[in-house]
Protein backbone atom coordinates (compact mmCIF):
# COMPACT_ATOMS: atom_id res chain seq x y z
CA MET A 1 -22.53 -81.55 183.00
CA SER A 2 -26.20 -81.36 182.68
CA ALA A 3 -28.38 -84.08 181.23
CA GLU A 4 -28.82 -82.11 178.04
CA GLN A 5 -25.08 -81.80 177.42
CA ARG A 6 -24.06 -85.42 178.01
CA PRO A 7 -23.22 -87.40 174.92
CA ARG A 8 -25.72 -90.09 174.05
CA ARG A 9 -24.49 -93.60 174.83
CA GLU A 10 -25.17 -96.46 172.46
CA VAL A 11 -24.66 -100.11 173.22
CA VAL A 12 -23.40 -102.27 170.38
CA THR A 13 -23.98 -105.96 170.94
CA GLY A 14 -22.94 -107.40 167.60
CA VAL A 15 -22.67 -106.96 163.92
CA PRO A 16 -25.80 -105.42 162.42
CA ARG A 17 -27.89 -107.97 160.59
CA ALA A 18 -28.82 -107.50 157.00
CA ALA A 19 -32.45 -106.85 156.36
CA ARG A 20 -34.26 -110.14 156.32
CA ARG A 21 -36.26 -110.95 153.26
CA ALA A 22 -38.89 -113.54 152.78
CA PRO A 23 -37.55 -116.85 151.51
CA GLY A 24 -37.76 -116.91 147.77
CA HIS A 25 -39.62 -119.65 146.02
CA ALA A 26 -38.22 -121.39 143.03
CA PRO A 27 -40.26 -120.89 139.88
CA ALA A 28 -41.23 -124.57 139.73
CA ARG A 29 -42.67 -124.53 143.24
CA SER A 30 -44.79 -121.46 142.52
CA GLU A 31 -45.99 -123.03 139.27
CA ILE A 32 -47.24 -126.04 141.21
CA SER A 33 -48.79 -124.07 144.05
CA GLU A 34 -50.58 -121.77 141.59
CA GLN A 35 -51.78 -124.84 139.65
CA THR A 36 -50.64 -123.63 136.27
CA THR A 37 -50.30 -125.90 133.25
CA LEU A 38 -46.53 -125.95 133.75
CA GLY A 39 -47.02 -127.02 137.37
CA ALA A 40 -49.39 -129.76 136.25
CA THR A 41 -46.74 -130.88 133.77
CA TYR A 42 -44.16 -131.12 136.57
CA VAL A 43 -46.48 -133.21 138.72
CA ARG A 44 -47.48 -135.38 135.76
CA SER A 45 -43.79 -135.99 135.04
CA LEU A 46 -43.23 -137.19 138.61
CA MET A 47 -46.27 -139.44 138.42
CA ARG A 48 -45.10 -140.92 135.10
CA SER A 49 -41.64 -141.68 136.44
CA GLN A 50 -43.13 -143.30 139.55
CA LEU A 51 -45.51 -145.33 137.37
CA ARG A 52 -42.62 -146.47 135.16
CA THR A 53 -40.70 -147.57 138.24
CA ALA A 54 -43.70 -149.47 139.61
CA LEU A 55 -44.40 -151.18 136.27
CA ARG A 56 -40.77 -152.24 135.98
CA ALA A 57 -40.93 -153.83 139.46
CA LEU A 58 -44.26 -155.46 138.64
CA GLY A 59 -42.85 -156.84 135.38
CA THR A 60 -39.89 -158.31 137.23
CA LEU A 61 -42.20 -159.99 139.74
CA ALA A 62 -44.50 -161.28 136.98
CA LEU A 63 -41.50 -162.73 135.17
CA LEU A 64 -40.37 -164.40 138.37
CA VAL A 65 -43.77 -165.87 139.21
CA GLY A 66 -44.53 -166.73 135.58
CA THR A 67 -41.41 -168.83 135.16
CA LEU A 68 -41.86 -170.80 138.38
CA PRO A 69 -44.12 -173.48 136.80
CA LEU A 70 -41.53 -174.02 134.05
CA LEU A 71 -38.81 -174.29 136.68
CA PHE A 72 -40.88 -176.81 138.65
CA ALA A 73 -41.39 -178.95 135.53
CA LEU A 74 -37.65 -179.00 134.85
CA PRO A 75 -36.68 -181.96 137.13
CA THR A 76 -39.41 -184.13 135.63
CA ALA A 77 -38.40 -183.20 132.08
CA LEU A 78 -34.72 -183.91 132.72
CA ASP A 79 -35.22 -187.35 134.30
CA GLY A 80 -37.93 -188.56 132.01
CA SER A 81 -39.39 -190.50 134.90
CA SER A 82 -41.91 -189.12 137.30
CA PRO A 83 -40.07 -188.76 140.60
CA SER A 84 -41.50 -186.50 143.21
CA PRO A 85 -39.95 -183.05 142.71
CA GLU A 86 -41.22 -181.84 146.07
CA PRO A 87 -37.81 -181.13 147.67
CA PHE A 88 -36.79 -179.06 144.66
CA VAL A 89 -40.08 -177.15 144.61
CA TRP A 90 -39.93 -176.38 148.32
CA SER A 91 -36.30 -175.32 148.15
CA VAL A 92 -37.08 -172.92 145.31
CA LEU A 93 -40.18 -171.55 147.02
CA GLY A 94 -38.63 -171.43 150.47
CA VAL A 95 -35.14 -170.21 149.69
CA ALA A 96 -34.45 -169.01 146.15
CA VAL A 97 -37.48 -166.78 145.58
CA TYR A 98 -37.07 -164.53 148.62
CA PRO A 99 -33.72 -162.92 147.73
CA VAL A 100 -35.10 -162.03 144.29
CA LEU A 101 -38.24 -160.56 145.85
CA TRP A 102 -36.18 -158.61 148.37
CA LEU A 103 -33.80 -157.25 145.72
CA THR A 104 -36.72 -156.23 143.51
CA ALA A 105 -38.45 -154.45 146.38
CA ARG A 106 -35.23 -152.73 147.46
CA ARG A 107 -34.51 -151.56 143.92
CA TYR A 108 -38.07 -150.26 143.57
CA VAL A 109 -37.93 -148.27 146.81
CA ARG A 110 -34.52 -146.78 146.01
CA ARG A 111 -35.62 -145.77 142.51
CA ALA A 112 -38.90 -144.25 143.81
CA GLU A 113 -36.98 -142.25 146.41
CA ARG A 114 -34.53 -141.07 143.74
CA ASN A 115 -37.46 -139.90 141.61
CA GLU A 116 -38.79 -137.90 144.53
CA GLU A 117 -35.35 -136.42 145.29
CA ASP A 118 -34.99 -135.36 141.67
CA PHE A 119 -38.42 -133.73 141.81
CA THR A 120 -37.54 -131.94 145.06
CA ARG A 121 -34.30 -130.68 143.54
CA LEU A 122 -36.30 -129.36 140.61
CA LEU A 123 -38.65 -127.54 142.95
CA GLU A 124 -35.84 -126.03 144.99
CA GLY A 125 -34.00 -124.91 141.91
CA ARG A 126 -30.80 -126.79 142.69
């Protein structure tokens, strides 16, 4: 057989891939990247929710710190005499305050991350 009469050989290495298309963007993401009023509303919504979370944590801390002087005056008010409340004050400051601070900080961080996850889900269209 001559070279012109031989059948053409093709090598198949796998299943043909579908035509690749550019990754689609969710409408919310394009609204933000194009800086439309709807995109600004999305960003403003995230900022408001983060601000609300921060103010709630700040209010909790202000309530904690604001009530400490009343708590320190409690032993003196209960006894009527004027004993030194130093052990009570130091135990509250050294032991009791830190778990409340830690829980408040942990709750704040978890809520802020949840706000960001919700915003990301909105952007991705999930």
